[in-house]
Every structure is written in structure tokens, then in C-alpha cells.
Amino acid sequence: MTHRTPAFAAAALAAALLAPSGLWAFEIGFDWGPLKLCTSGTPNVVDNPAFTLGDVPEGTRFIRFKLVDHDAPGYNHGGGTVAYQGQAAIAPGAFTYKSPCPPDGRHRYEWTATALDGENGNPLGQASAEKRYP
């Protein structure tokens, strides 16, 4: 019979909750919202989409968002960093970025959010969510 200590159980739980990067895995979701259709390959500068947040790591003071187009990973869509005070959502208008605007059909886009202990601080956790556009 194997006996597991509380410390072992806590370590196992922590390992299960860590993102592949070794950071705490939290949750984000997003909605493109009223984004103007763009398929020319020349993105517009727009407000961030509405984000939902869940299980954000304790000690988080800022969250940095970055958009990647997996079908054109070399293009920098940008993102932004917002103050975090325990809110469950980030409203549009917290930062601007270059909108999705694939010139050759649907692309797969991924927002990555990194929880930070200061504006340019240490990363505490990471989350991501992806959708196709258009």
C-alpha cells in the first residue's frame, strides 16, 4: 500500500495546474465583437476584444496580451498590458492592436495572456484562446 503525504498531493496538484511553460495555467476567452470585416491583408488598428478571465494566479498585478496569427506567424499584431485588480473581464478599449485581416482565406488566431507581478514584472501564469477569422 502506498501512502501519499499532503505535500506530495499538493505538488501533484501544482504540477497538473502548471502550463507547459512551467507557469500557472489560467483561463481566458474572447469575442471578436463588432470587428469590421477585413480581408485585404492590411489590418486596422482597433480596440482589444472583450476578454473573460478565470483562475488568474494570486499576486497578479498586470496581464499582458499578445495576438499571433498561426497562418502568418511572422506578422506582429501586437497586443497590450492592462492593470489587473481581480476583475473577471477586460473590456474593449483597454489597449489597441492590429486587427486580424487575412488576405488569403480564414486564418487561425491565438491570444496569449501572461499574468505578471508588476507592469514589467515576473510572469506568474499563462493562458491562451484561439479562434478562426473571418
C-alpha atoms as a PDB file:
ATOM      1  CA  MET A   1       0.000   0.000   0.000  1.00  0.00           C
ATOM      2  CA  THR A   2       1.363   3.408  -0.986  1.00  0.00           C
ATOM      3  CA  HIS A   3       0.991   6.324   1.427  1.00  0.00           C
ATOM      4  CA  ARG A   4       0.961   9.805  -0.021  1.00  0.00           C
ATOM      5  CA  THR A   5       1.742  12.797   2.121  1.00  0.00           C
ATOM      6  CA  PRO A   6      -0.181  16.092   1.905  1.00  0.00           C
ATOM      7  CA  ALA A   7       2.972  17.689   0.463  1.00  0.00           C
ATOM      8  CA  PHE A   8       3.054  15.079  -2.310  1.00  0.00           C
ATOM      9  CA  ALA A   9      -0.613  15.713  -3.105  1.00  0.00           C
ATOM     10  CA  ALA A  10      -0.045  19.485  -3.200  1.00  0.00           C
ATOM     11  CA  ALA A  11       2.955  19.061  -5.505  1.00  0.00           C
ATOM     12  CA  ALA A  12       0.968  16.786  -7.817  1.00  0.00           C
ATOM     13  CA  LEU A  13      -1.881  19.295  -7.962  1.00  0.00           C
ATOM     14  CA  ALA A  14       0.508  22.166  -8.686  1.00  0.00           C
ATOM     15  CA  ALA A  15       2.170  20.186 -11.478  1.00  0.00           C
ATOM     16  CA  ALA A  16      -1.201  19.449 -13.032  1.00  0.00           C
ATOM     17  CA  LEU A  17      -2.138  23.137 -12.996  1.00  0.00           C
ATOM     18  CA  LEU A  18       1.091  24.434 -14.499  1.00  0.00           C
ATOM     19  CA  ALA A  19       1.149  25.447 -18.142  1.00  0.00           C
ATOM     20  CA  PRO A  20       3.746  23.762 -20.390  1.00  0.00           C
ATOM     21  CA  SER A  21       5.952  26.819 -19.825  1.00  0.00           C
ATOM     22  CA  GLY A  22       6.106  25.999 -16.091  1.00  0.00           C
ATOM     23  CA  LEU A  23       3.747  28.897 -15.309  1.00  0.00           C
ATOM     24  CA  TRP A  24       0.350  28.676 -13.624  1.00  0.00           C
ATOM     25  CA  ALA A  25      -2.292  27.830 -16.237  1.00  0.00           C
ATOM     26  CA  PHE A  26      -5.273  30.171 -16.011  1.00  0.00           C
ATOM     27  CA  GLU A  27      -8.180  30.725 -18.387  1.00  0.00           C
ATOM     28  CA  ILE A  28      -9.104  33.367 -20.946  1.00  0.00           C
ATOM     29  CA  GLY A  29     -11.834  33.620 -23.503  1.00  0.00           C
ATOM     30  CA  PHE A  30     -12.510  36.327 -26.070  1.00  0.00           C
ATOM     31  CA  ASP A  31     -15.092  37.565 -28.511  1.00  0.00           C
ATOM     32  CA  TRP A  32     -14.068  39.470 -31.640  1.00  0.00           C
ATOM     33  CA  GLY A  33     -17.124  41.685 -31.042  1.00  0.00           C
ATOM     34  CA  PRO A  34     -18.135  44.267 -33.651  1.00  0.00           C
ATOM     35  CA  LEU A  35     -14.845  43.939 -35.532  1.00  0.00           C
ATOM     36  CA  LYS A  36     -15.105  45.421 -39.036  1.00  0.00           C
ATOM     37  CA  LEU A  37     -14.573  42.695 -41.669  1.00  0.00           C
ATOM     38  CA  CYS A  38     -11.014  42.853 -43.009  1.00  0.00           C
ATOM     39  CA  THR A  39      -9.590  40.506 -45.664  1.00  0.00           C
ATOM     40  CA  SER A  40      -7.222  42.845 -47.541  1.00  0.00           C
ATOM     41  CA  GLY A  41      -4.040  41.885 -45.673  1.00  0.00           C
ATOM     42  CA  THR A  42      -3.782  45.435 -44.303  1.00  0.00           C
ATOM     43  CA  PRO A  43      -5.028  45.329 -40.686  1.00  0.00           C
ATOM     44  CA  ASN A  44      -6.779  48.187 -38.952  1.00  0.00           C
ATOM     45  CA  VAL A  45      -5.702  49.486 -35.536  1.00  0.00           C
ATOM     46  CA  VAL A  46      -8.637  48.586 -33.284  1.00  0.00           C
ATOM     47  CA  ASP A  47      -9.622  48.231 -29.643  1.00  0.00           C
ATOM     48  CA  ASN A  48      -8.937  44.901 -27.985  1.00  0.00           C
ATOM     49  CA  PRO A  49     -11.710  42.308 -27.980  1.00  0.00           C
ATOM     50  CA  ALA A  50     -13.682  41.603 -24.801  1.00  0.00           C
ATOM     51  CA  PHE A  51     -11.751  39.080 -22.683  1.00  0.00           C
ATOM     52  CA  THR A  52     -13.057  36.870 -19.890  1.00  0.00           C
ATOM     53  CA  LEU A  53     -10.642  35.671 -17.191  1.00  0.00           C
ATOM     54  CA  GLY A  54     -10.667  32.719 -14.819  1.00  0.00           C
ATOM     55  CA  ASP A  55      -8.362  31.285 -12.152  1.00  0.00           C
ATOM     56  CA  VAL A  56      -5.841  34.132 -12.521  1.00  0.00           C
ATOM     57  CA  PRO A  57      -2.775  33.481 -10.308  1.00  0.00           C
ATOM     58  CA  GLU A  58      -2.632  35.127  -6.916  1.00  0.00           C
ATOM     59  CA  GLY A  59      -0.303  38.131  -6.906  1.00  0.00           C
ATOM     60  CA  THR A  60      -1.143  39.162 -10.481  1.00  0.00           C
ATOM     61  CA  ARG A  61      -0.962  42.936 -10.926  1.00  0.00           C
ATOM     62  CA  PHE A  62      -0.901  43.161 -14.738  1.00  0.00           C
ATOM     63  CA  ILE A  63      -1.846  40.927 -17.673  1.00  0.00           C
ATOM     64  CA  ARG A  64      -0.002  41.170 -20.997  1.00  0.00           C
ATOM     65  CA  PHE A  65      -1.967  40.154 -24.112  1.00  0.00           C
ATOM     66  CA  LYS A  66      -0.416  39.216 -27.471  1.00  0.00           C
ATOM     67  CA  LEU A  67      -2.093  38.141 -30.717  1.00  0.00           C
ATOM     68  CA  VAL A  68      -0.468  35.605 -33.062  1.00  0.00           C
ATOM     69  CA  ASP A  69      -1.706  34.537 -36.489  1.00  0.00           C
ATOM     70  CA  HIS A  70      -0.670  30.882 -36.779  1.00  0.00           C
ATOM     71  CA  ASP A  71      -1.009  31.059 -40.556  1.00  0.00           C
ATOM     72  CA  ALA A  72       1.312  34.107 -40.768  1.00  0.00           C
ATOM     73  CA  PRO A  73       3.371  33.886 -37.544  1.00  0.00           C
ATOM     74  CA  GLY A  74       5.920  36.466 -38.674  1.00  0.00           C
ATOM     75  CA  TYR A  75       3.362  39.269 -38.687  1.00  0.00           C
ATOM     76  CA  ASN A  76       3.264  41.284 -35.442  1.00  0.00           C
ATOM     77  CA  HIS A  77      -0.342  42.065 -34.491  1.00  0.00           C
ATOM     78  CA  GLY A  78       0.783  43.491 -31.177  1.00  0.00           C
ATOM     79  CA  GLY A  79      -1.224  43.495 -28.001  1.00  0.00           C
ATOM     80  CA  GLY A  80      -1.134  45.350 -24.730  1.00  0.00           C
ATOM     81  CA  THR A  81      -0.681  45.242 -20.974  1.00  0.00           C
ATOM     82  CA  VAL A  82      -3.527  46.059 -18.597  1.00  0.00           C
ATOM     83  CA  ALA A  83      -3.734  46.523 -14.843  1.00  0.00           C
ATOM     84  CA  TYR A  84      -5.388  43.623 -13.037  1.00  0.00           C
ATOM     85  CA  GLN A  85      -7.354  44.132  -9.825  1.00  0.00           C
ATOM     86  CA  GLY A  86      -9.279  40.880  -9.617  1.00  0.00           C
ATOM     87  CA  GLN A  87     -11.784  41.602 -12.398  1.00  0.00           C
ATOM     88  CA  ALA A  88     -13.357  38.728 -14.320  1.00  0.00           C
ATOM     89  CA  ALA A  89     -13.254  40.571 -17.659  1.00  0.00           C
ATOM     90  CA  ILE A  90     -11.229  43.065 -19.680  1.00  0.00           C
ATOM     91  CA  ALA A  91     -13.482  45.386 -21.682  1.00  0.00           C
ATOM     92  CA  PRO A  92     -12.722  46.611 -25.203  1.00  0.00           C
ATOM     93  CA  GLY A  93     -10.672  49.804 -25.212  1.00  0.00           C
ATOM     94  CA  ALA A  94      -8.066  48.702 -22.655  1.00  0.00           C
ATOM     95  CA  PHE A  95      -5.453  48.680 -25.474  1.00  0.00           C
ATOM     96  CA  THR A  96      -5.239  48.733 -29.272  1.00  0.00           C
ATOM     97  CA  TYR A  97      -3.747  46.184 -31.654  1.00  0.00           C
ATOM     98  CA  LYS A  98      -3.630  45.381 -35.372  1.00  0.00           C
ATOM     99  CA  SER A  99      -6.835  43.531 -36.268  1.00  0.00           C
ATOM    100  CA  PRO A 100      -6.973  40.142 -37.941  1.00  0.00           C
ATOM    101  CA  CYS A 101      -7.034  40.708 -41.713  1.00  0.00           C
ATOM    102  CA  PRO A 102      -6.009  37.609 -43.671  1.00  0.00           C
ATOM    103  CA  PRO A 103      -5.633  38.202 -47.420  1.00  0.00           C
ATOM    104  CA  ASP A 104      -5.990  34.539 -48.331  1.00  0.00           C
ATOM    105  CA  GLY A 105      -8.958  32.949 -46.569  1.00  0.00           C
ATOM    106  CA  ARG A 106      -9.525  32.035 -42.924  1.00  0.00           C
ATOM    107  CA  HIS A 107      -6.589  32.156 -40.508  1.00  0.00           C
ATOM    108  CA  ARG A 108      -6.186  30.708 -37.011  1.00  0.00           C
ATOM    109  CA  TYR A 109      -5.525  33.429 -34.412  1.00  0.00           C
ATOM    110  CA  GLU A 110      -4.426  32.929 -30.816  1.00  0.00           C
ATOM    111  CA  TRP A 111      -4.444  35.410 -27.947  1.00  0.00           C
ATOM    112  CA  THR A 112      -1.911  34.630 -25.229  1.00  0.00           C
ATOM    113  CA  ALA A 113      -2.251  36.273 -21.828  1.00  0.00           C
ATOM    114  CA  THR A 114       0.630  36.371 -19.342  1.00  0.00           C
ATOM    115  CA  ALA A 115      -0.058  37.216 -15.698  1.00  0.00           C
ATOM    116  CA  LEU A 116       2.675  39.464 -14.242  1.00  0.00           C
ATOM    117  CA  ASP A 117       3.550  40.513 -10.686  1.00  0.00           C
ATOM    118  CA  GLY A 118       4.353  44.049 -11.939  1.00  0.00           C
ATOM    119  CA  GLU A 119       3.963  46.043 -15.152  1.00  0.00           C
ATOM    120  CA  ASN A 120       7.292  44.716 -16.440  1.00  0.00           C
ATOM    121  CA  GLY A 121       7.495  42.063 -13.755  1.00  0.00           C
ATOM    122  CA  ASN A 122       7.925  38.358 -13.407  1.00  0.00           C
ATOM    123  CA  PRO A 123       5.487  36.063 -15.199  1.00  0.00           C
ATOM    124  CA  LEU A 124       3.206  34.128 -12.842  1.00  0.00           C
ATOM    125  CA  GLY A 125       0.898  32.356 -15.250  1.00  0.00           C
ATOM    126  CA  GLN A 126      -0.180  31.973 -18.834  1.00  0.00           C
ATOM    127  CA  ALA A 127      -3.403  31.343 -20.734  1.00  0.00           C
ATOM    128  CA  SER A 128      -4.416  31.221 -24.376  1.00  0.00           C
ATOM    129  CA  ALA A 129      -7.508  31.051 -26.539  1.00  0.00           C
ATOM    130  CA  GLU A 130      -7.836  30.774 -30.300  1.00  0.00           C
ATOM    131  CA  LYS A 131     -10.436  31.361 -32.999  1.00  0.00           C
ATOM    132  CA  ARG A 132     -10.550  31.481 -36.750  1.00  0.00           C
ATOM    133  CA  TYR A 133     -11.164  34.714 -38.659  1.00  0.00           C
ATOM    134  CA  PRO A 134     -13.156  35.628 -40.645  1.00  0.00           C
END
